Amino acid sequence: MKVDQKAHTVIIKDTQGDFTSFLMKVTHQYKTFEKQNITIDLSYHSDLTAKDIELFLPLATQHKKAKKSFVIVANDIDFNAVSDKLTVVPSLLEAHDIIEMEEIERDLGF
């Protein structure tokens, strides 16, 4: 697992290729990142399904209640099959754009 800090966002990338252990690591270390916006980079995985990505739903819900952004980057996935409660995008650039928009919305009180 690789963690990069960029301004008010932390990017967590799986470098091992084991999705289950990555999910467990992120869940166990969540307290470390809870005060920042989170981008989960799963672009390394090409065999993920919408069901796999939805395993992040409890963490994403908790994070969004704390008024922070939680964005997942995934390639080769049917974005329509993923729950509306998750923000899933195909690139890190789009994840950054979503977080910036959500920050502006929070600043404006939406």
PDB file of N, CA and C in Angstrom:
ATOM      1  N   MET A   1       0.845  -1.172   0.000  1.00  0.00           N
ATOM      2  CA  MET A   1       0.000   0.000   0.000  1.00  0.00           C
ATOM      3  C   MET A   1       0.894   1.240   0.000  1.00  0.00           C
ATOM      4  N   LYS A   2       0.606   2.146  -0.926  1.00  0.00           N
ATOM      5  CA  LYS A   2       1.372   3.381  -1.025  1.00  0.00           C
ATOM      6  C   LYS A   2       0.433   4.546  -0.704  1.00  0.00           C
ATOM      7  N   VAL A   3       0.896   5.451   0.152  1.00  0.00           N
ATOM      8  CA  VAL A   3       0.085   6.595   0.557  1.00  0.00           C
ATOM      9  C   VAL A   3       0.811   7.875   0.147  1.00  0.00           C
ATOM     10  N   ASP A   4       0.120   8.698  -0.642  1.00  0.00           N
ATOM     11  CA  ASP A   4       0.658   9.990  -1.063  1.00  0.00           C
ATOM     12  C   ASP A   4      -0.229  11.098  -0.520  1.00  0.00           C
ATOM     13  N   GLN A   5       0.402  12.119   0.002  1.00  0.00           N
ATOM     14  CA  GLN A   5      -0.318  13.278   0.527  1.00  0.00           C
ATOM     15  C   GLN A   5      -0.224  14.406  -0.489  1.00  0.00           C
ATOM     16  N   LYS A   6      -1.363  14.935  -0.915  1.00  0.00           N
ATOM     17  CA  LYS A   6      -1.377  16.081  -1.822  1.00  0.00           C
ATOM     18  C   LYS A   6      -2.391  17.082  -1.297  1.00  0.00           C
ATOM     19  N   ALA A   7      -1.884  18.184  -0.754  1.00  0.00           N
ATOM     20  CA  ALA A   7      -2.720  19.249  -0.176  1.00  0.00           C
ATOM     21  C   ALA A   7      -3.661  18.673   0.879  1.00  0.00           C
ATOM     22  N   HIS A   8      -4.960  18.753   0.644  1.00  0.00           N
ATOM     23  CA  HIS A   8      -5.950  18.289   1.609  1.00  0.00           C
ATOM     24  C   HIS A   8      -6.497  16.899   1.257  1.00  0.00           C
ATOM     25  N   THR A   9      -5.739  16.158   0.445  1.00  0.00           N
ATOM     26  CA  THR A   9      -6.188  14.845  -0.014  1.00  0.00           C
ATOM     27  C   THR A   9      -5.086  13.807   0.176  1.00  0.00           C
ATOM     28  N   VAL A  10      -5.491  12.607   0.541  1.00  0.00           N
ATOM     29  CA  VAL A  10      -4.555  11.500   0.626  1.00  0.00           C
ATOM     30  C   VAL A  10      -4.948  10.487  -0.458  1.00  0.00           C
ATOM     31  N   ILE A  11      -3.954  10.026  -1.215  1.00  0.00           N
ATOM     32  CA  ILE A  11      -4.184   9.031  -2.269  1.00  0.00           C
ATOM     33  C   ILE A  11      -3.605   7.716  -1.780  1.00  0.00           C
ATOM     34  N   ILE A  12      -4.470   6.720  -1.683  1.00  0.00           N
ATOM     35  CA  ILE A  12      -4.062   5.403  -1.195  1.00  0.00           C
ATOM     36  C   ILE A  12      -4.099   4.438  -2.378  1.00  0.00           C
ATOM     37  N   LYS A  13      -2.932   3.866  -2.682  1.00  0.00           N
ATOM     38  CA  LYS A  13      -2.814   2.997  -3.853  1.00  0.00           C
ATOM     39  C   LYS A  13      -2.397   1.598  -3.421  1.00  0.00           C
ATOM     40  N   ASP A  14      -3.062   0.604  -4.001  1.00  0.00           N
ATOM     41  CA  ASP A  14      -2.702  -0.783  -3.730  1.00  0.00           C
ATOM     42  C   ASP A  14      -1.524  -1.165  -4.610  1.00  0.00           C
ATOM     43  N   THR A  15      -0.439  -1.581  -3.977  1.00  0.00           N
ATOM     44  CA  THR A  15       0.749  -1.983  -4.728  1.00  0.00           C
ATOM     45  C   THR A  15       0.988  -3.494  -4.672  1.00  0.00           C
ATOM     46  N   GLN A  16       0.206  -4.186  -3.861  1.00  0.00           N
ATOM     47  CA  GLN A  16       0.408  -5.626  -3.679  1.00  0.00           C
ATOM     48  C   GLN A  16      -0.376  -6.480  -4.663  1.00  0.00           C
ATOM     49  N   GLY A  17      -1.527  -5.981  -5.100  1.00  0.00           N
ATOM     50  CA  GLY A  17      -2.351  -6.765  -6.014  1.00  0.00           C
ATOM     51  C   GLY A  17      -3.337  -7.675  -5.319  1.00  0.00           C
ATOM     52  N   ASP A  18      -3.390  -7.636  -3.987  1.00  0.00           N
ATOM     53  CA  ASP A  18      -4.332  -8.451  -3.228  1.00  0.00           C
ATOM     54  C   ASP A  18      -5.427  -7.530  -2.687  1.00  0.00           C
ATOM     55  N   PHE A  19      -6.568  -7.519  -3.384  1.00  0.00           N
ATOM     56  CA  PHE A  19      -7.643  -6.589  -3.062  1.00  0.00           C
ATOM     57  C   PHE A  19      -8.162  -6.759  -1.640  1.00  0.00           C
ATOM     58  N   THR A  20      -8.361  -7.986  -1.198  1.00  0.00           N
ATOM     59  CA  THR A  20      -8.912  -8.244   0.135  1.00  0.00           C
ATOM     60  C   THR A  20      -8.008  -7.705   1.234  1.00  0.00           C
ATOM     61  N   SER A  21      -6.713  -7.960   1.143  1.00  0.00           N
ATOM     62  CA  SER A  21      -5.809  -7.459   2.181  1.00  0.00           C
ATOM     63  C   SER A  21      -5.693  -5.935   2.108  1.00  0.00           C
ATOM     64  N   PHE A  22      -5.777  -5.365   0.904  1.00  0.00           N
ATOM     65  CA  PHE A  22      -5.756  -3.904   0.760  1.00  0.00           C
ATOM     66  C   PHE A  22      -6.969  -3.283   1.453  1.00  0.00           C
ATOM     67  N   LEU A  23      -8.136  -3.850   1.224  1.00  0.00           N
ATOM     68  CA  LEU A  23      -9.361  -3.361   1.871  1.00  0.00           C
ATOM     69  C   LEU A  23      -9.233  -3.416   3.389  1.00  0.00           C
ATOM     70  N   MET A  24      -8.677  -4.496   3.902  1.00  0.00           N
ATOM     71  CA  MET A  24      -8.493  -4.635   5.353  1.00  0.00           C
ATOM     72  C   MET A  24      -7.505  -3.595   5.876  1.00  0.00           C
ATOM     73  N   LYS A  25      -6.408  -3.361   5.166  1.00  0.00           N
ATOM     74  CA  LYS A  25      -5.418  -2.364   5.593  1.00  0.00           C
ATOM     75  C   LYS A  25      -6.026  -0.967   5.636  1.00  0.00           C
ATOM     76  N   VAL A  26      -6.766  -0.625   4.596  1.00  0.00           N
ATOM     77  CA  VAL A  26      -7.391   0.700   4.544  1.00  0.00           C
ATOM     78  C   VAL A  26      -8.390   0.854   5.682  1.00  0.00           C
ATOM     79  N   THR A  27      -9.175  -0.177   5.929  1.00  0.00           N
ATOM     80  CA  THR A  27     -10.161  -0.132   7.004  1.00  0.00           C
ATOM     81  C   THR A  27      -9.491   0.011   8.363  1.00  0.00           C
ATOM     82  N   HIS A  28      -8.438  -0.748   8.606  1.00  0.00           N
ATOM     83  CA  HIS A  28      -7.744  -0.698   9.898  1.00  0.00           C
ATOM     84  C   HIS A  28      -6.994   0.608  10.107  1.00  0.00           C
ATOM     85  N   GLN A  29      -6.519   1.209   9.041  1.00  0.00           N
ATOM     86  CA  GLN A  29      -5.751   2.446   9.159  1.00  0.00           C
ATOM     87  C   GLN A  29      -6.596   3.694   8.887  1.00  0.00           C
ATOM     88  N   TYR A  30      -7.911   3.535   8.830  1.00  0.00           N
ATOM     89  CA  TYR A  30      -8.804   4.632   8.497  1.00  0.00           C
ATOM     90  C   TYR A  30      -8.636   5.846   9.415  1.00  0.00           C
ATOM     91  N   LYS A  31      -8.437   5.622  10.692  1.00  0.00           N
ATOM     92  CA  LYS A  31      -8.292   6.729  11.656  1.00  0.00           C
ATOM     93  C   LYS A  31      -7.146   7.668  11.264  1.00  0.00           C
ATOM     94  N   THR A  32      -6.137   7.137  10.610  1.00  0.00           N
ATOM     95  CA  THR A  32      -4.994   7.936  10.167  1.00  0.00           C
ATOM     96  C   THR A  32      -5.400   8.947   9.101  1.00  0.00           C
ATOM     97  N   PHE A  33      -6.410   8.592   8.282  1.00  0.00           N
ATOM     98  CA  PHE A  33      -6.793   9.407   7.132  1.00  0.00           C
ATOM     99  C   PHE A  33      -8.122  10.129   7.302  1.00  0.00           C
ATOM    100  N   GLU A  34      -8.807   9.931   8.421  1.00  0.00           N
ATOM    101  CA  GLU A  34     -10.189  10.389   8.538  1.00  0.00           C
ATOM    102  C   GLU A  34     -10.395  11.897   8.443  1.00  0.00           C
ATOM    103  N   LYS A  35      -9.379  12.685   8.677  1.00  0.00           N
ATOM    104  CA  LYS A  35      -9.517  14.149   8.636  1.00  0.00           C
ATOM    105  C   LYS A  35      -9.243  14.738   7.249  1.00  0.00           C
ATOM    106  N   GLN A  36      -8.929  13.885   6.281  1.00  0.00           N
ATOM    107  CA  GLN A  36      -8.579  14.337   4.930  1.00  0.00           C
ATOM    108  C   GLN A  36      -9.529  13.721   3.906  1.00  0.00           C
ATOM    109  N   ASN A  37      -9.548  14.313   2.724  1.00  0.00           N
ATOM    110  CA  ASN A  37     -10.261  13.701   1.610  1.00  0.00           C
ATOM    111  C   ASN A  37      -9.463  12.466   1.194  1.00  0.00           C
ATOM    112  N   ILE A  38     -10.174  11.428   0.770  1.00  0.00           N
ATOM    113  CA  ILE A  38      -9.502  10.168   0.429  1.00  0.00           C
ATOM    114  C   ILE A  38      -9.777   9.786  -1.021  1.00  0.00           C
ATOM    115  N   THR A  39      -8.705   9.425  -1.722  1.00  0.00           N
ATOM    116  CA  THR A  39      -8.813   8.823  -3.045  1.00  0.00           C
ATOM    117  C   THR A  39      -8.230   7.425  -2.943  1.00  0.00           C
ATOM    118  N   ILE A  40      -9.032   6.438  -3.273  1.00  0.00           N
ATOM    119  CA  ILE A  40      -8.590   5.041  -3.293  1.00  0.00           C
ATOM    120  C   ILE A  40      -8.274   4.696  -4.743  1.00  0.00           C
ATOM    121  N   ASP A  41      -7.017   4.418  -5.034  1.00  0.00           N
ATOM    122  CA  ASP A  41      -6.592   4.121  -6.401  1.00  0.00           C
ATOM    123  C   ASP A  41      -6.537   2.609  -6.611  1.00  0.00           C
ATOM    124  N   LEU A  42      -7.534   2.104  -7.340  1.00  0.00           N
ATOM    125  CA  LEU A  42      -7.598   0.672  -7.649  1.00  0.00           C
ATOM    126  C   LEU A  42      -7.285   0.411  -9.115  1.00  0.00           C
ATOM    127  N   SER A  43      -6.646   1.372  -9.774  1.00  0.00           N
ATOM    128  CA  SER A  43      -6.364   1.223 -11.203  1.00  0.00           C
ATOM    129  C   SER A  43      -5.392   0.078 -11.490  1.00  0.00           C
ATOM    130  N   TYR A  44      -4.678  -0.375 -10.486  1.00  0.00           N
ATOM    131  CA  TYR A  44      -3.762  -1.511 -10.622  1.00  0.00           C
ATOM    132  C   TYR A  44      -4.525  -2.802 -10.910  1.00  0.00           C
ATOM    133  N   HIS A  45      -5.759  -2.871 -10.412  1.00  0.00           N
ATOM    134  CA  HIS A  45      -6.588  -4.075 -10.578  1.00  0.00           C
ATOM    135  C   HIS A  45      -7.403  -3.986 -11.854  1.00  0.00           C
ATOM    136  N   SER A  46      -7.337  -5.008 -12.665  1.00  0.00           N
ATOM    137  CA  SER A  46      -8.127  -5.014 -13.896  1.00  0.00           C
ATOM    138  C   SER A  46      -9.288  -5.998 -13.826  1.00  0.00           C
ATOM    139  N   ASP A  47      -9.368  -6.741 -12.728  1.00  0.00           N
ATOM    140  CA  ASP A  47     -10.388  -7.788 -12.632  1.00  0.00           C
ATOM    141  C   ASP A  47     -11.440  -7.501 -11.558  1.00  0.00           C
ATOM    142  N   LEU A  48     -11.579  -6.253 -11.149  1.00  0.00           N
ATOM    143  CA  LEU A  48     -12.545  -5.915 -10.112  1.00  0.00           C
ATOM    144  C   LEU A  48     -13.954  -5.835 -10.675  1.00  0.00           C
ATOM    145  N   THR A  49     -14.910  -6.162  -9.823  1.00  0.00           N
ATOM    146  CA  THR A  49     -16.315  -6.043 -10.195  1.00  0.00           C
ATOM    147  C   THR A  49     -16.949  -4.929  -9.359  1.00  0.00           C
ATOM    148  N   ALA A  50     -18.166  -4.576  -9.713  1.00  0.00           N
ATOM    149  CA  ALA A  50     -18.897  -3.561  -8.943  1.00  0.00           C
ATOM    150  C   ALA A  50     -19.093  -4.037  -7.509  1.00  0.00           C
ATOM    151  N   LYS A  51     -19.308  -5.329  -7.328  1.00  0.00           N
ATOM    152  CA  LYS A  51     -19.486  -5.894  -5.973  1.00  0.00           C
ATOM    153  C   LYS A  51     -18.224  -5.708  -5.137  1.00  0.00           C
ATOM    154  N   ASP A  52     -17.067  -5.887  -5.737  1.00  0.00           N
ATOM    155  CA  ASP A  52     -15.800  -5.676  -5.022  1.00  0.00           C
ATOM    156  C   ASP A  52     -15.697  -4.227  -4.552  1.00  0.00           C
ATOM    157  N   ILE A  53     -15.967  -3.310  -5.450  1.00  0.00           N
ATOM    158  CA  ILE A  53     -15.855  -1.893  -5.126  1.00  0.00           C
ATOM    159  C   ILE A  53     -16.858  -1.493  -4.051  1.00  0.00           C
ATOM    160  N   GLU A  54     -18.020  -2.100  -4.059  1.00  0.00           N
ATOM    161  CA  GLU A  54     -19.047  -1.765  -3.056  1.00  0.00           C
ATOM    162  C   GLU A  54     -18.660  -2.208  -1.648  1.00  0.00           C
ATOM    163  N   LEU A  55     -17.594  -2.977  -1.509  1.00  0.00           N
ATOM    164  CA  LEU A  55     -17.101  -3.323  -0.175  1.00  0.00           C
ATOM    165  C   LEU A  55     -16.558  -2.088   0.547  1.00  0.00           C
ATOM    166  N   PHE A  56     -16.284  -1.027  -0.206  1.00  0.00           N
ATOM    167  CA  PHE A  56     -15.842   0.233   0.387  1.00  0.00           C
ATOM    168  C   PHE A  56     -17.014   1.107   0.855  1.00  0.00           C
ATOM    169  N   LEU A  57     -18.239   0.677   0.594  1.00  0.00           N
ATOM    170  CA  LEU A  57     -19.414   1.498   0.906  1.00  0.00           C
ATOM    171  C   LEU A  57     -19.516   1.916   2.377  1.00  0.00           C
ATOM    172  N   PRO A  58     -19.330   1.016   3.355  1.00  0.00           N
ATOM    173  CA  PRO A  58     -19.423   1.468   4.754  1.00  0.00           C
ATOM    174  C   PRO A  58     -18.388   2.547   5.092  1.00  0.00           C
ATOM    175  N   LEU A  59     -17.196   2.391   4.589  1.00  0.00           N
ATOM    176  CA  LEU A  59     -16.130   3.367   4.833  1.00  0.00           C
ATOM    177  C   LEU A  59     -16.454   4.695   4.156  1.00  0.00           C
ATOM    178  N   ALA A  60     -16.947   4.637   2.926  1.00  0.00           N
ATOM    179  CA  ALA A  60     -17.299   5.850   2.181  1.00  0.00           C
ATOM    180  C   ALA A  60     -18.440   6.595   2.862  1.00  0.00           C
ATOM    181  N   THR A  61     -19.434   5.865   3.334  1.00  0.00           N
ATOM    182  CA  THR A  61     -20.572   6.476   4.011  1.00  0.00           C
ATOM    183  C   THR A  61     -20.115   7.181   5.283  1.00  0.00           C
ATOM    184  N   GLN A  62     -19.309   6.521   6.057  1.00  0.00           N
ATOM    185  CA  GLN A  62     -18.777   7.100   7.289  1.00  0.00           C
ATOM    186  C   GLN A  62     -17.964   8.362   6.987  1.00  0.00           C
ATOM    187  N   HIS A  63     -17.172   8.315   5.950  1.00  0.00           N
ATOM    188  CA  HIS A  63     -16.304   9.438   5.599  1.00  0.00           C
ATOM    189  C   HIS A  63     -17.122  10.638   5.110  1.00  0.00           C
ATOM    190  N   LYS A  64     -18.150  10.363   4.318  1.00  0.00           N
ATOM    191  CA  LYS A  64     -18.973  11.451   3.797  1.00  0.00           C
ATOM    192  C   LYS A  64     -19.810  12.101   4.900  1.00  0.00           C
ATOM    193  N   LYS A  65     -20.181  11.338   5.920  1.00  0.00           N
ATOM    194  CA  LYS A  65     -20.895  11.922   7.058  1.00  0.00           C
ATOM    195  C   LYS A  65     -20.020  12.917   7.801  1.00  0.00           C
ATOM    196  N   ALA A  66     -18.709  12.717   7.726  1.00  0.00           N
ATOM    197  CA  ALA A  66     -17.750  13.623   8.363  1.00  0.00           C
ATOM    198  C   ALA A  66     -17.425  14.814   7.455  1.00  0.00           C
ATOM    199  N   LYS A  67     -18.195  14.971   6.379  1.00  0.00           N
ATOM    200  CA  LYS A  67     -18.039  16.094   5.445  1.00  0.00           C
ATOM    201  C   LYS A  67     -16.681  16.096   4.729  1.00  0.00           C
ATOM    202  N   LYS A  68     -16.258  14.914   4.328  1.00  0.00           N
ATOM    203  CA  LYS A  68     -15.031  14.758   3.551  1.00  0.00           C
ATOM    204  C   LYS A  68     -15.336  13.921   2.309  1.00  0.00           C
ATOM    205  N   SER A  69     -14.530  14.079   1.275  1.00  0.00           N
ATOM    206  CA  SER A  69     -14.730  13.351   0.023  1.00  0.00           C
ATOM    207  C   SER A  69     -14.061  11.983   0.067  1.00  0.00           C
ATOM    208  N   PHE A  70     -14.696  11.019  -0.585  1.00  0.00           N
ATOM    209  CA  PHE A  70     -14.181   9.650  -0.689  1.00  0.00           C
ATOM    210  C   PHE A  70     -14.407   9.224  -2.143  1.00  0.00           C
ATOM    211  N   VAL A  71     -13.327   9.142  -2.913  1.00  0.00           N
ATOM    212  CA  VAL A  71     -13.424   8.833  -4.336  1.00  0.00           C
ATOM    213  C   VAL A  71     -12.593   7.596  -4.647  1.00  0.00           C
ATOM    214  N   ILE A  72     -13.152   6.722  -5.471  1.00  0.00           N
ATOM    215  CA  ILE A  72     -12.458   5.495  -5.874  1.00  0.00           C
ATOM    216  C   ILE A  72     -12.110   5.594  -7.355  1.00  0.00           C
ATOM    217  N   VAL A  73     -10.864   5.296  -7.684  1.00  0.00           N
ATOM    218  CA  VAL A  73     -10.409   5.275  -9.078  1.00  0.00           C
ATOM    219  C   VAL A  73     -10.321   3.817  -9.510  1.00  0.00           C
ATOM    220  N   ALA A  74     -11.073   3.481 -10.560  1.00  0.00           N
ATOM    221  CA  ALA A  74     -11.071   2.097 -11.055  1.00  0.00           C
ATOM    222  C   ALA A  74     -11.195   2.101 -12.575  1.00  0.00           C
ATOM    223  N   ASN A  75     -10.467   1.212 -13.211  1.00  0.00           N
ATOM    224  CA  ASN A  75     -10.527   1.059 -14.669  1.00  0.00           C
ATOM    225  C   ASN A  75     -11.366  -0.167 -15.004  1.00  0.00           C
ATOM    226  N   ASP A  76     -11.794  -0.239 -16.230  1.00  0.00           N
ATOM    227  CA  ASP A  76     -12.476  -1.435 -16.754  1.00  0.00           C
ATOM    228  C   ASP A  76     -13.602  -1.916 -15.857  1.00  0.00           C
ATOM    229  N   ILE A  77     -14.490  -1.007 -15.488  1.00  0.00           N
ATOM    230  CA  ILE A  77     -15.618  -1.382 -14.632  1.00  0.00           C
ATOM    231  C   ILE A  77     -16.890  -0.755 -15.185  1.00  0.00           C
ATOM    232  N   ASP A  78     -18.006  -1.419 -14.971  1.00  0.00           N
ATOM    233  CA  ASP A  78     -19.299  -0.871 -15.380  1.00  0.00           C
ATOM    234  C   ASP A  78     -19.739   0.125 -14.302  1.00  0.00           C
ATOM    235  N   PHE A  79     -19.530   1.399 -14.573  1.00  0.00           N
ATOM    236  CA  PHE A  79     -19.816   2.436 -13.583  1.00  0.00           C
ATOM    237  C   PHE A  79     -21.298   2.506 -13.242  1.00  0.00           C
ATOM    238  N   ASN A  80     -22.158   2.076 -14.148  1.00  0.00           N
ATOM    239  CA  ASN A  80     -23.604   2.080 -13.883  1.00  0.00           C
ATOM    240  C   ASN A  80     -24.010   0.993 -12.895  1.00  0.00           C
ATOM    241  N   ALA A  81     -23.177  -0.021 -12.738  1.00  0.00           N
ATOM    242  CA  ALA A  81     -23.500  -1.125 -11.833  1.00  0.00           C
ATOM    243  C   ALA A  81     -23.106  -0.824 -10.384  1.00  0.00           C
ATOM    244  N   VAL A  82     -22.331   0.241 -10.182  1.00  0.00           N
ATOM    245  CA  VAL A  82     -21.861   0.605  -8.840  1.00  0.00           C
ATOM    246  C   VAL A  82     -22.920   1.461  -8.153  1.00  0.00           C
ATOM    247  N   SER A  83     -23.066   1.281  -6.853  1.00  0.00           N
ATOM    248  CA  SER A  83     -24.040   2.036  -6.059  1.00  0.00           C
ATOM    249  C   SER A  83     -23.865   3.544  -6.248  1.00  0.00           C
ATOM    250  N   ASP A  84     -24.980   4.270  -6.253  1.00  0.00           N
ATOM    251  CA  ASP A  84     -24.964   5.731  -6.373  1.00  0.00           C
ATOM    252  C   ASP A  84     -24.298   6.384  -5.173  1.00  0.00           C
ATOM    253  N   LYS A  85     -24.184   5.666  -4.081  1.00  0.00           N
ATOM    254  CA  LYS A  85     -23.610   6.217  -2.852  1.00  0.00           C
ATOM    255  C   LYS A  85     -22.083   6.276  -2.905  1.00  0.00           C
ATOM    256  N   LEU A  86     -21.511   5.634  -3.912  1.00  0.00           N
ATOM    257  CA  LEU A  86     -20.056   5.655  -4.095  1.00  0.00           C
ATOM    258  C   LEU A  86     -19.701   6.545  -5.277  1.00  0.00           C
ATOM    259  N   THR A  87     -18.599   7.245  -5.149  1.00  0.00           N
ATOM    260  CA  THR A  87     -18.089   8.043  -6.253  1.00  0.00           C
ATOM    261  C   THR A  87     -16.932   7.268  -6.870  1.00  0.00           C
ATOM    262  N   VAL A  88     -17.149   6.779  -8.079  1.00  0.00           N
ATOM    263  CA  VAL A  88     -16.128   5.984  -8.776  1.00  0.00           C
ATOM    264  C   VAL A  88     -15.828   6.652 -10.112  1.00  0.00           C
ATOM    265  N   VAL A  89     -14.556   6.891 -10.372  1.00  0.00           N
ATOM    266  CA  VAL A  89     -14.121   7.562 -11.598  1.00  0.00           C
ATOM    267  C   VAL A  89     -12.996   6.764 -12.253  1.00  0.00           C
ATOM    268  N   PRO A  90     -12.747   7.000 -13.549  1.00  0.00           N
ATOM    269  CA  PRO A  90     -11.717   6.218 -14.252  1.00  0.00           C
ATOM    270  C   PRO A  90     -10.285   6.730 -14.136  1.00  0.00           C
ATOM    271  N   SER A  91     -10.065   7.945 -13.595  1.00  0.00           N
ATOM    272  CA  SER A  91      -8.693   8.459 -13.537  1.00  0.00           C
ATOM    273  C   SER A  91      -8.455   9.297 -12.286  1.00  0.00           C
ATOM    274  N   LEU A  92      -7.187   9.438 -11.921  1.00  0.00           N
ATOM    275  CA  LEU A  92      -6.819  10.267 -10.773  1.00  0.00           C
ATOM    276  C   LEU A  92      -7.143  11.737 -11.008  1.00  0.00           C
ATOM    277  N   LEU A  93      -7.031  12.187 -12.242  1.00  0.00           N
ATOM    278  CA  LEU A  93      -7.362  13.571 -12.558  1.00  0.00           C
ATOM    279  C   LEU A  93      -8.843  13.854 -12.282  1.00  0.00           C
ATOM    280  N   GLU A  94      -9.702  12.927 -12.691  1.00  0.00           N
ATOM    281  CA  GLU A  94     -11.133  13.099 -12.420  1.00  0.00           C
ATOM    282  C   GLU A  94     -11.423  13.037 -10.926  1.00  0.00           C
ATOM    283  N   ALA A  95     -10.712  12.190 -10.210  1.00  0.00           N
ATOM    284  CA  ALA A  95     -10.891  12.119  -8.756  1.00  0.00           C
ATOM    285  C   ALA A  95     -10.540  13.459  -8.129  1.00  0.00           C
ATOM    286  N   HIS A  96      -9.437  14.050  -8.577  1.00  0.00           N
ATOM    287  CA  HIS A  96      -9.020  15.360  -8.069  1.00  0.00           C
ATOM    288  C   HIS A  96     -10.090  16.418  -8.366  1.00  0.00           C
ATOM    289  N   ASP A  97     -10.642  16.397  -9.584  1.00  0.00           N
ATOM    290  CA  ASP A  97     -11.681  17.353  -9.963  1.00  0.00           C
ATOM    291  C   ASP A  97     -12.937  17.202  -9.102  1.00  0.00           C
ATOM    292  N   ILE A  98     -13.342  15.972  -8.852  1.00  0.00           N
ATOM    293  CA  ILE A  98     -14.528  15.713  -8.012  1.00  0.00           C
ATOM    294  C   ILE A  98     -14.295  16.263  -6.606  1.00  0.00           C
ATOM    295  N   ILE A  99     -13.129  15.997  -6.046  1.00  0.00           N
ATOM    296  CA  ILE A  99     -12.825  16.471  -4.690  1.00  0.00           C
ATOM    297  C   ILE A  99     -12.840  17.999  -4.651  1.00  0.00           C
ATOM    298  N   GLU A 100     -12.274  18.634  -5.663  1.00  0.00           N
ATOM    299  CA  GLU A 100     -12.276  20.100  -5.717  1.00  0.00           C
ATOM    300  C   GLU A 100     -13.704  20.638  -5.777  1.00  0.00           C
ATOM    301  N   MET A 101     -14.556  20.023  -6.590  1.00  0.00           N
ATOM    302  CA  MET A 101     -15.956  20.463  -6.685  1.00  0.00           C
ATOM    303  C   MET A 101     -16.683  20.275  -5.358  1.00  0.00           C
ATOM    304  N   GLU A 102     -16.468  19.132  -4.710  1.00  0.00           N
ATOM    305  CA  GLU A 102     -17.120  18.879  -3.429  1.00  0.00           C
ATOM    306  C   GLU A 102     -16.629  19.847  -2.354  1.00  0.00           C
ATOM    307  N   GLU A 103     -15.350  20.209  -2.388  1.00  0.00           N
ATOM    308  CA  GLU A 103     -14.811  21.198  -1.445  1.00  0.00           C
ATOM    309  C   GLU A 103     -15.505  22.550  -1.638  1.00  0.00           C
ATOM    310  N   ILE A 104     -15.675  22.949  -2.887  1.00  0.00           N
ATOM    311  CA  ILE A 104     -16.352  24.217  -3.183  1.00  0.00           C
ATOM    312  C   ILE A 104     -17.797  24.166  -2.696  1.00  0.00           C
ATOM    313  N   GLU A 105     -18.490  23.044  -2.952  1.00  0.00           N
ATOM    314  CA  GLU A 105     -19.874  22.903  -2.493  1.00  0.00           C
ATOM    315  C   GLU A 105     -19.956  23.004  -0.966  1.00  0.00           C
ATOM    316  N   ARG A 106     -19.026  22.379  -0.254  1.00  0.00           N
ATOM    317  CA  ARG A 106     -19.044  22.454   1.205  1.00  0.00           C
ATOM    318  C   ARG A 106     -18.770  23.882   1.678  1.00  0.00           C
ATOM    319  N   ASP A 107     -17.841  24.583   1.002  1.00  0.00           N
ATOM    320  CA  ASP A 107     -17.544  25.969   1.367  1.00  0.00           C
ATOM    321  C   ASP A 107     -18.760  26.870   1.167  1.00  0.00           C
ATOM    322  N   LEU A 108     -19.560  26.546   0.147  1.00  0.00           N
ATOM    323  CA  LEU A 108     -20.753  27.354  -0.132  1.00  0.00           C
ATOM    324  C   LEU A 108     -21.967  26.920   0.689  1.00  0.00           C
ATOM    325  N   GLY A 109     -21.831  25.820   1.419  1.00  0.00           N
ATOM    326  CA  GLY A 109     -22.902  25.371   2.310  1.00  0.00           C
ATOM    327  C   GLY A 109     -23.928  24.449   1.684  1.00  0.00           C
ATOM    328  N   PHE A 110     -23.589  23.827   0.564  1.00  0.00           N
ATOM    329  CA  PHE A 110     -24.521  22.877  -0.073  1.00  0.00           C
ATOM    330  C   PHE A 110     -24.460  21.533   0.586  1.00  0.00           C
TER     331      PHE A 110
END
